[in-house]
Amino acid sequence: MFGFRKKTEAPSERILPVHIAIKMDGNRRWAKQHHVPRQAGHVAGSEAFKTIARYCNKIGVQYLTVYAFSSENWKRSEDEVSGLMSLLRKNLRDVLTIFRDENIRTRFIGDRTRLDAELQALMAETEEVSENRTGLRLNIAINYGGRPELVAAARAIAEDVRAGTLAPEAVDANVLASHLETAGQPDPDLVIMPGAEKRISNFLLWQSAYAEYWFSDVLWPDFTPDVLEQAIADFNTRKRRFGGS
C-alpha cells in the first residue's frame, strides 16, 4: 500500500513518490533579490504553492505535505507575522474555491490553538468541504514543529499508559506513529528543500527518517513544475535501503 506508484501515462518507467514533502523556503530572500517588500515574497510563494499542489494532483502524487508556517515563525516581527496570517486566511479562501474542481483533499497539521478564530474556522471548513475527495491528499503544516509533535505524542501515550489502556511494554514505533498528526498516512518518500539552506528546520522529524532528501538553490517563489520534475528525476536515481545494506 505504501510503496511506489508508477506514472502510467508517461512513456518511461519512472517511479513517482507516493508522498512528497516540501519545506517552502526562500520567500524573504526572493523579495530581497527583487527589491520588493517581504510580503510580496510571501504572496509569490503562495502562488507557487497552488501551482505545485495542482501539478502534484495532475501527475498522480498521492500525498503532499507543505510547511506553511512553523512554530518558530512567531519569532519574526509582528508586522511580518500579521502579514503571514492575513495571507494564510486569503490562501484558505482560495483553496476553498480554486481546489473545488481539483479533487484535492486538504487537512492541516500543527497546533491550532494559537491561531485566531477566523483562521481556525477556515481550516475546519476547508477540511470539511474536501473530506470526500479522492485525489491528492494535501497536508498544510501551520504552527507546526517536529519536536512539539513528538512531545504531544509522548504525552498522549503517557496518558494512555496512566489510564491503563496501553501497557508500557507495548509502546513501540508503531504506537508512537499512531499518535502523530500524520497517523494513517505513509511517510514521505521525498523531502524537497528549496531556498539554498541545508537544514531540515524541525520538519517531519519522525516521518522523514528514511526519506530521500533533495536540496535546491531555487527560492520557493521560483519553484515550478519543471523544478519538481528535476527532484523526481533525481529520486529515480536513488537506491532506497531503509537502513538495510
C-alpha atoms as a PDB file:
ATOM      1  CA  MET A   1       0.000   0.000   0.000  1.00  0.00           C
ATOM      2  CA  PHE A   2       2.778   2.406   0.903  1.00  0.00           C
ATOM      3  CA  GLY A   3       5.170   1.508  -1.909  1.00  0.00           C
ATOM      4  CA  PHE A   4       5.786   3.423  -5.079  1.00  0.00           C
ATOM      5  CA  ARG A   5       3.255   4.336  -7.701  1.00  0.00           C
ATOM      6  CA  LYS A   6       4.170   4.427 -11.360  1.00  0.00           C
ATOM      7  CA  LYS A   7       3.059   7.282 -13.546  1.00  0.00           C
ATOM      8  CA  THR A   8       1.231   5.182 -16.128  1.00  0.00           C
ATOM      9  CA  GLU A   9       0.651   7.977 -18.616  1.00  0.00           C
ATOM     10  CA  ALA A  10       4.388   8.638 -19.026  1.00  0.00           C
ATOM     11  CA  PRO A  11       6.316   6.774 -21.722  1.00  0.00           C
ATOM     12  CA  SER A  12       9.163   5.964 -19.333  1.00  0.00           C
ATOM     13  CA  GLU A  13       9.040   3.671 -16.336  1.00  0.00           C
ATOM     14  CA  ARG A  14       9.917   6.316 -13.800  1.00  0.00           C
ATOM     15  CA  ILE A  15       8.835   5.892 -10.203  1.00  0.00           C
ATOM     16  CA  LEU A  16       6.596   8.562  -8.746  1.00  0.00           C
ATOM     17  CA  PRO A  17       6.965   9.187  -4.996  1.00  0.00           C
ATOM     18  CA  VAL A  18       3.767   8.349  -3.144  1.00  0.00           C
ATOM     19  CA  HIS A  19       4.358  11.129  -0.608  1.00  0.00           C
ATOM     20  CA  ILE A  20       6.297  14.314  -1.283  1.00  0.00           C
ATOM     21  CA  ALA A  21       7.042  16.821   1.467  1.00  0.00           C
ATOM     22  CA  ILE A  22       8.236  20.357   0.720  1.00  0.00           C
ATOM     23  CA  LYS A  23       9.645  22.994   3.030  1.00  0.00           C
ATOM     24  CA  MET A  24       8.572  26.127   1.195  1.00  0.00           C
ATOM     25  CA  ASP A  25      11.630  28.293   1.867  1.00  0.00           C
ATOM     26  CA  GLY A  26      13.113  31.399   0.317  1.00  0.00           C
ATOM     27  CA  ASN A  27      10.250  33.897   0.124  1.00  0.00           C
ATOM     28  CA  ARG A  28      12.076  36.615   2.043  1.00  0.00           C
ATOM     29  CA  ARG A  29      15.316  36.180   0.108  1.00  0.00           C
ATOM     30  CA  TRP A  30      13.338  36.263  -3.141  1.00  0.00           C
ATOM     31  CA  ALA A  31      11.780  39.563  -2.073  1.00  0.00           C
ATOM     32  CA  LYS A  32      15.194  40.981  -1.213  1.00  0.00           C
ATOM     33  CA  GLN A  33      16.608  39.917  -4.592  1.00  0.00           C
ATOM     34  CA  HIS A  34      13.686  41.562  -6.372  1.00  0.00           C
ATOM     35  CA  HIS A  35      13.765  44.691  -4.203  1.00  0.00           C
ATOM     36  CA  VAL A  36      10.176  44.297  -3.074  1.00  0.00           C
ATOM     37  CA  PRO A  37       8.602  44.076   0.418  1.00  0.00           C
ATOM     38  CA  ARG A  38       8.788  40.766   2.249  1.00  0.00           C
ATOM     39  CA  GLN A  39       5.048  40.344   1.960  1.00  0.00           C
ATOM     40  CA  ALA A  40       5.387  40.355  -1.830  1.00  0.00           C
ATOM     41  CA  GLY A  41       7.741  37.407  -1.491  1.00  0.00           C
ATOM     42  CA  HIS A  42       5.216  35.530   0.617  1.00  0.00           C
ATOM     43  CA  VAL A  43       2.480  36.280  -1.933  1.00  0.00           C
ATOM     44  CA  ALA A  44       4.682  34.959  -4.744  1.00  0.00           C
ATOM     45  CA  GLY A  45       5.392  31.877  -2.644  1.00  0.00           C
ATOM     46  CA  SER A  46       1.678  31.260  -2.110  1.00  0.00           C
ATOM     47  CA  GLU A  47       1.144  31.249  -5.870  1.00  0.00           C
ATOM     48  CA  ALA A  48       3.948  28.700  -6.259  1.00  0.00           C
ATOM     49  CA  PHE A  49       2.241  26.535  -3.638  1.00  0.00           C
ATOM     50  CA  LYS A  50      -1.063  26.497  -5.548  1.00  0.00           C
ATOM     51  CA  THR A  51       0.700  25.655  -8.810  1.00  0.00           C
ATOM     52  CA  ILE A  52       2.701  22.792  -7.288  1.00  0.00           C
ATOM     53  CA  ALA A  53      -0.291  21.339  -5.432  1.00  0.00           C
ATOM     54  CA  ARG A  54      -2.349  21.222  -8.612  1.00  0.00           C
ATOM     55  CA  TYR A  55       0.567  19.753 -10.570  1.00  0.00           C
ATOM     56  CA  CYS A  56       1.129  17.013  -7.983  1.00  0.00           C
ATOM     57  CA  ASN A  57      -2.534  16.114  -8.223  1.00  0.00           C
ATOM     58  CA  LYS A  58      -2.360  16.103 -12.018  1.00  0.00           C
ATOM     59  CA  ILE A  59       0.583  13.690 -12.252  1.00  0.00           C
ATOM     60  CA  GLY A  60      -0.751  11.320  -9.599  1.00  0.00           C
ATOM     61  CA  VAL A  61       1.162  12.087  -6.408  1.00  0.00           C
ATOM     62  CA  GLN A  62      -0.969  10.693  -3.606  1.00  0.00           C
ATOM     63  CA  TYR A  63       0.252  12.776  -0.663  1.00  0.00           C
ATOM     64  CA  LEU A  64       1.817  16.240  -0.478  1.00  0.00           C
ATOM     65  CA  THR A  65       2.844  17.907   2.777  1.00  0.00           C
ATOM     66  CA  VAL A  66       3.919  21.557   2.714  1.00  0.00           C
ATOM     67  CA  TYR A  67       5.467  23.590   5.525  1.00  0.00           C
ATOM     68  CA  ALA A  68       3.491  26.836   5.531  1.00  0.00           C
ATOM     69  CA  PHE A  69       4.191  28.303   8.977  1.00  0.00           C
ATOM     70  CA  SER A  70       6.457  26.800  11.610  1.00  0.00           C
ATOM     71  CA  SER A  71       6.111  27.003  15.372  1.00  0.00           C
ATOM     72  CA  GLU A  72       9.325  29.073  15.300  1.00  0.00           C
ATOM     73  CA  ASN A  73       7.976  31.644  12.812  1.00  0.00           C
ATOM     74  CA  TRP A  74       6.259  33.505  15.662  1.00  0.00           C
ATOM     75  CA  LYS A  75       9.726  34.908  16.459  1.00  0.00           C
ATOM     76  CA  ARG A  76       9.583  37.080  13.350  1.00  0.00           C
ATOM     77  CA  SER A  77       8.500  40.710  13.518  1.00  0.00           C
ATOM     78  CA  GLU A  78       4.905  41.454  14.485  1.00  0.00           C
ATOM     79  CA  ASP A  79       4.259  43.061  11.092  1.00  0.00           C
ATOM     80  CA  GLU A  80       5.564  40.033   9.182  1.00  0.00           C
ATOM     81  CA  VAL A  81       3.606  37.559  11.307  1.00  0.00           C
ATOM     82  CA  SER A  82       0.455  39.637  10.871  1.00  0.00           C
ATOM     83  CA  GLY A  83       1.015  39.695   7.118  1.00  0.00           C
ATOM     84  CA  LEU A  84       1.549  35.930   7.047  1.00  0.00           C
ATOM     85  CA  MET A  85      -1.663  35.311   8.982  1.00  0.00           C
ATOM     86  CA  SER A  86      -3.596  37.541   6.569  1.00  0.00           C
ATOM     87  CA  LEU A  87      -2.077  35.684   3.641  1.00  0.00           C
ATOM     88  CA  LEU A  88      -2.951  32.323   5.199  1.00  0.00           C
ATOM     89  CA  ARG A  89      -6.581  33.413   5.500  1.00  0.00           C
ATOM     90  CA  LYS A  90      -6.601  34.507   1.851  1.00  0.00           C
ATOM     91  CA  ASN A  91      -4.931  31.278   0.748  1.00  0.00           C
ATOM     92  CA  LEU A  92      -7.518  29.170   2.539  1.00  0.00           C
ATOM     93  CA  ARG A  93     -10.329  31.093   0.874  1.00  0.00           C
ATOM     94  CA  ASP A  94      -8.548  30.485  -2.440  1.00  0.00           C
ATOM     95  CA  VAL A  95      -8.159  26.786  -1.621  1.00  0.00           C
ATOM     96  CA  LEU A  96     -11.898  26.576  -0.988  1.00  0.00           C
ATOM     97  CA  THR A  97     -12.577  27.872  -4.499  1.00  0.00           C
ATOM     98  CA  ILE A  98      -9.543  27.041  -6.653  1.00  0.00           C
ATOM     99  CA  PHE A  99      -9.272  23.440  -5.445  1.00  0.00           C
ATOM    100  CA  ARG A 100     -13.030  22.892  -5.669  1.00  0.00           C
ATOM    101  CA  ASP A 101     -12.760  21.137  -9.019  1.00  0.00           C
ATOM    102  CA  GLU A 102      -9.283  19.697  -8.425  1.00  0.00           C
ATOM    103  CA  ASN A 103     -10.396  16.723  -6.301  1.00  0.00           C
ATOM    104  CA  ILE A 104      -7.789  17.674  -3.684  1.00  0.00           C
ATOM    105  CA  ARG A 105      -8.455  16.723  -0.066  1.00  0.00           C
ATOM    106  CA  THR A 106      -6.935  19.217   2.368  1.00  0.00           C
ATOM    107  CA  ARG A 107      -6.095  18.770   6.021  1.00  0.00           C
ATOM    108  CA  PHE A 108      -3.931  20.680   8.468  1.00  0.00           C
ATOM    109  CA  ILE A 109      -1.238  19.589  10.870  1.00  0.00           C
ATOM    110  CA  GLY A 110       0.114  21.687  13.701  1.00  0.00           C
ATOM    111  CA  ASP A 111      -1.167  23.350  16.860  1.00  0.00           C
ATOM    112  CA  ARG A 112      -4.231  25.431  16.009  1.00  0.00           C
ATOM    113  CA  THR A 113      -4.783  26.836  19.488  1.00  0.00           C
ATOM    114  CA  ARG A 114      -2.564  29.893  18.926  1.00  0.00           C
ATOM    115  CA  LEU A 115      -4.330  30.819  15.681  1.00  0.00           C
ATOM    116  CA  ASP A 116      -7.203  33.289  15.608  1.00  0.00           C
ATOM    117  CA  ALA A 117     -10.800  32.119  15.484  1.00  0.00           C
ATOM    118  CA  GLU A 118     -11.346  33.142  11.850  1.00  0.00           C
ATOM    119  CA  LEU A 119      -8.348  31.156  10.650  1.00  0.00           C
ATOM    120  CA  GLN A 120      -9.354  28.120  12.697  1.00  0.00           C
ATOM    121  CA  ALA A 121     -12.858  28.298  11.238  1.00  0.00           C
ATOM    122  CA  LEU A 122     -11.480  28.484   7.688  1.00  0.00           C
ATOM    123  CA  MET A 123      -9.274  25.475   8.362  1.00  0.00           C
ATOM    124  CA  ALA A 124     -12.203  23.461   9.684  1.00  0.00           C
ATOM    125  CA  GLU A 125     -14.369  24.472   6.714  1.00  0.00           C
ATOM    126  CA  THR A 126     -11.641  23.553   4.221  1.00  0.00           C
ATOM    127  CA  GLU A 127     -11.252  20.108   5.776  1.00  0.00           C
ATOM    128  CA  GLU A 128     -14.988  19.500   5.892  1.00  0.00           C
ATOM    129  CA  VAL A 129     -15.654  20.623   2.319  1.00  0.00           C
ATOM    130  CA  SER A 130     -12.853  18.462   0.879  1.00  0.00           C
ATOM    131  CA  GLU A 131     -13.325  15.428   3.126  1.00  0.00           C
ATOM    132  CA  ASN A 132     -14.783  13.110   0.496  1.00  0.00           C
ATOM    133  CA  ARG A 133     -12.417  13.990  -2.333  1.00  0.00           C
ATOM    134  CA  THR A 134     -10.306  11.158  -3.658  1.00  0.00           C
ATOM    135  CA  GLY A 135      -7.354  12.853  -5.361  1.00  0.00           C
ATOM    136  CA  LEU A 136      -4.230  14.314  -3.811  1.00  0.00           C
ATOM    137  CA  ARG A 137      -4.139  14.300  -0.004  1.00  0.00           C
ATOM    138  CA  LEU A 138      -2.703  17.716   0.834  1.00  0.00           C
ATOM    139  CA  ASN A 139      -1.318  18.349   4.323  1.00  0.00           C
ATOM    140  CA  ILE A 140      -0.671  22.006   5.164  1.00  0.00           C
ATOM    141  CA  ALA A 141       1.549  22.439   8.215  1.00  0.00           C
ATOM    142  CA  ILE A 142       0.604  25.590  10.144  1.00  0.00           C
ATOM    143  CA  ASN A 143       2.150  26.403  13.530  1.00  0.00           C
ATOM    144  CA  TYR A 144       3.844  23.046  13.176  1.00  0.00           C
ATOM    145  CA  GLY A 145       7.119  21.753  14.549  1.00  0.00           C
ATOM    146  CA  GLY A 146       8.501  18.231  14.571  1.00  0.00           C
ATOM    147  CA  ARG A 147       9.656  18.417  18.178  1.00  0.00           C
ATOM    148  CA  PRO A 148       6.337  19.725  19.557  1.00  0.00           C
ATOM    149  CA  GLU A 149       4.580  16.997  17.577  1.00  0.00           C
ATOM    150  CA  LEU A 150       6.746  14.316  19.211  1.00  0.00           C
ATOM    151  CA  VAL A 151       6.230  15.837  22.651  1.00  0.00           C
ATOM    152  CA  ALA A 152       2.446  15.820  22.141  1.00  0.00           C
ATOM    153  CA  ALA A 153       2.588  12.194  21.004  1.00  0.00           C
ATOM    154  CA  ALA A 154       4.659  11.208  24.056  1.00  0.00           C
ATOM    155  CA  ARG A 155       2.183  12.935  26.365  1.00  0.00           C
ATOM    156  CA  ALA A 156      -0.762  11.187  24.717  1.00  0.00           C
ATOM    157  CA  ILE A 157       0.950   7.812  25.086  1.00  0.00           C
ATOM    158  CA  ALA A 158       1.746   8.574  28.730  1.00  0.00           C
ATOM    159  CA  GLU A 159      -1.933   9.357  29.325  1.00  0.00           C
ATOM    160  CA  ASP A 160      -2.935   6.048  27.746  1.00  0.00           C
ATOM    161  CA  VAL A 161      -0.472   4.207  29.962  1.00  0.00           C
ATOM    162  CA  ARG A 162      -1.707   6.029  33.067  1.00  0.00           C
ATOM    163  CA  ALA A 163      -5.315   5.237  32.131  1.00  0.00           C
ATOM    164  CA  GLY A 164      -4.423   1.581  31.815  1.00  0.00           C
ATOM    165  CA  THR A 165      -5.414   1.335  28.153  1.00  0.00           C
ATOM    166  CA  LEU A 166      -1.836   0.801  26.998  1.00  0.00           C
ATOM    167  CA  ALA A 167       0.850  -1.334  28.600  1.00  0.00           C
ATOM    168  CA  PRO A 168       4.310   0.307  28.789  1.00  0.00           C
ATOM    169  CA  GLU A 169       5.926  -2.695  27.095  1.00  0.00           C
ATOM    170  CA  ALA A 170       3.506  -2.310  24.192  1.00  0.00           C
ATOM    171  CA  VAL A 171       4.883   1.121  23.295  1.00  0.00           C
ATOM    172  CA  ASP A 172       6.876   0.814  20.085  1.00  0.00           C
ATOM    173  CA  ALA A 173       7.495   2.744  16.873  1.00  0.00           C
ATOM    174  CA  ASN A 174       4.068   1.869  15.502  1.00  0.00           C
ATOM    175  CA  VAL A 175       2.337   3.124  18.635  1.00  0.00           C
ATOM    176  CA  LEU A 176       4.236   6.397  18.515  1.00  0.00           C
ATOM    177  CA  ALA A 177       3.494   6.849  14.809  1.00  0.00           C
ATOM    178  CA  SER A 178      -0.203   6.284  15.501  1.00  0.00           C
ATOM    179  CA  HIS A 179      -0.164   9.318  17.823  1.00  0.00           C
ATOM    180  CA  LEU A 180       1.388  11.668  15.263  1.00  0.00           C
ATOM    181  CA  GLU A 181      -0.674  14.106  13.223  1.00  0.00           C
ATOM    182  CA  THR A 182       0.061  12.153  10.057  1.00  0.00           C
ATOM    183  CA  ALA A 183      -1.216   8.878  11.544  1.00  0.00           C
ATOM    184  CA  GLY A 184      -2.570   6.567   8.870  1.00  0.00           C
ATOM    185  CA  GLN A 185      -0.517   8.161   6.094  1.00  0.00           C
ATOM    186  CA  PRO A 186       2.660   6.796   4.513  1.00  0.00           C
ATOM    187  CA  ASP A 187       5.883   8.519   5.496  1.00  0.00           C
ATOM    188  CA  PRO A 188       7.369  10.898   2.900  1.00  0.00           C
ATOM    189  CA  ASP A 189       9.409   9.230   0.186  1.00  0.00           C
ATOM    190  CA  LEU A 190      10.929  12.508  -0.970  1.00  0.00           C
ATOM    191  CA  VAL A 191      11.556  15.666   1.061  1.00  0.00           C
ATOM    192  CA  ILE A 192      12.326  18.719  -1.045  1.00  0.00           C
ATOM    193  CA  MET A 193      14.236  21.649   0.465  1.00  0.00           C
ATOM    194  CA  PRO A 194      14.295  24.718  -1.804  1.00  0.00           C
ATOM    195  CA  GLY A 195      15.876  28.014  -0.857  1.00  0.00           C
ATOM    196  CA  ALA A 196      19.579  27.066  -0.724  1.00  0.00           C
ATOM    197  CA  GLU A 197      19.552  26.259   3.007  1.00  0.00           C
ATOM    198  CA  LYS A 198      20.928  22.880   4.104  1.00  0.00           C
ATOM    199  CA  ARG A 199      18.866  22.193   7.207  1.00  0.00           C
ATOM    200  CA  ILE A 200      15.646  20.331   7.975  1.00  0.00           C
ATOM    201  CA  SER A 201      14.175  23.057  10.220  1.00  0.00           C
ATOM    202  CA  ASN A 202      12.129  20.839  12.548  1.00  0.00           C
ATOM    203  CA  PHE A 203      10.063  19.468   9.654  1.00  0.00           C
ATOM    204  CA  LEU A 204       8.582  15.949   9.944  1.00  0.00           C
ATOM    205  CA  LEU A 205      11.425  14.722  12.130  1.00  0.00           C
ATOM    206  CA  TRP A 206       9.985  11.267  12.777  1.00  0.00           C
ATOM    207  CA  GLN A 207       8.279  10.757   9.435  1.00  0.00           C
ATOM    208  CA  SER A 208      11.309  11.637   7.301  1.00  0.00           C
ATOM    209  CA  ALA A 209      13.703   9.178   8.983  1.00  0.00           C
ATOM    210  CA  TYR A 210      14.142   7.191   5.748  1.00  0.00           C
ATOM    211  CA  ALA A 211      13.075   9.792   3.208  1.00  0.00           C
ATOM    212  CA  GLU A 212      15.260  10.824   0.308  1.00  0.00           C
ATOM    213  CA  TYR A 213      16.243  14.498   0.608  1.00  0.00           C
ATOM    214  CA  TRP A 214      16.654  16.839  -2.335  1.00  0.00           C
ATOM    215  CA  PHE A 215      18.158  20.290  -1.798  1.00  0.00           C
ATOM    216  CA  SER A 216      17.848  23.103  -4.313  1.00  0.00           C
ATOM    217  CA  ASP A 217      19.174  26.645  -4.609  1.00  0.00           C
ATOM    218  CA  VAL A 218      15.893  27.666  -6.250  1.00  0.00           C
ATOM    219  CA  LEU A 219      13.943  30.011  -3.989  1.00  0.00           C
ATOM    220  CA  TRP A 220      10.398  28.878  -3.345  1.00  0.00           C
ATOM    221  CA  PRO A 221       8.593  31.599  -5.384  1.00  0.00           C
ATOM    222  CA  ASP A 222      10.611  30.426  -8.413  1.00  0.00           C
ATOM    223  CA  PHE A 223       9.844  26.752  -7.806  1.00  0.00           C
ATOM    224  CA  THR A 224       7.994  25.409 -10.837  1.00  0.00           C
ATOM    225  CA  PRO A 225       6.717  22.018 -12.018  1.00  0.00           C
ATOM    226  CA  ASP A 226       9.932  21.724 -14.054  1.00  0.00           C
ATOM    227  CA  VAL A 227      11.990  22.013 -10.871  1.00  0.00           C
ATOM    228  CA  LEU A 228       9.753  19.446  -9.196  1.00  0.00           C
ATOM    229  CA  GLU A 229      10.382  17.123 -12.130  1.00  0.00           C
ATOM    230  CA  GLN A 230      14.128  17.526 -11.566  1.00  0.00           C
ATOM    231  CA  ALA A 231      13.635  16.395  -7.964  1.00  0.00           C
ATOM    232  CA  ILE A 232      11.575  13.409  -9.062  1.00  0.00           C
ATOM    233  CA  ALA A 233      14.157  12.505 -11.701  1.00  0.00           C
ATOM    234  CA  ASP A 234      16.890  12.582  -9.063  1.00  0.00           C
ATOM    235  CA  PHE A 235      14.695  10.476  -6.762  1.00  0.00           C
ATOM    236  CA  ASN A 236      14.598   7.868  -9.506  1.00  0.00           C
ATOM    237  CA  THR A 237      18.405   7.555  -9.375  1.00  0.00           C
ATOM    238  CA  ARG A 238      18.391   6.694  -5.668  1.00  0.00           C
ATOM    239  CA  LYS A 239      18.576   3.181  -4.283  1.00  0.00           C
ATOM    240  CA  ARG A 240      16.467   3.147  -1.140  1.00  0.00           C
ATOM    241  CA  ARG A 241      17.693   0.799   1.590  1.00  0.00           C
ATOM    242  CA  PHE A 242      15.605   1.848   4.622  1.00  0.00           C
ATOM    243  CA  GLY A 243      18.543   1.151   6.895  1.00  0.00           C
ATOM    244  CA  GLY A 244      19.479  -2.111   5.168  1.00  0.00           C
ATOM    245  CA  SER A 245      22.523  -2.946   3.097  1.00  0.00           C
END
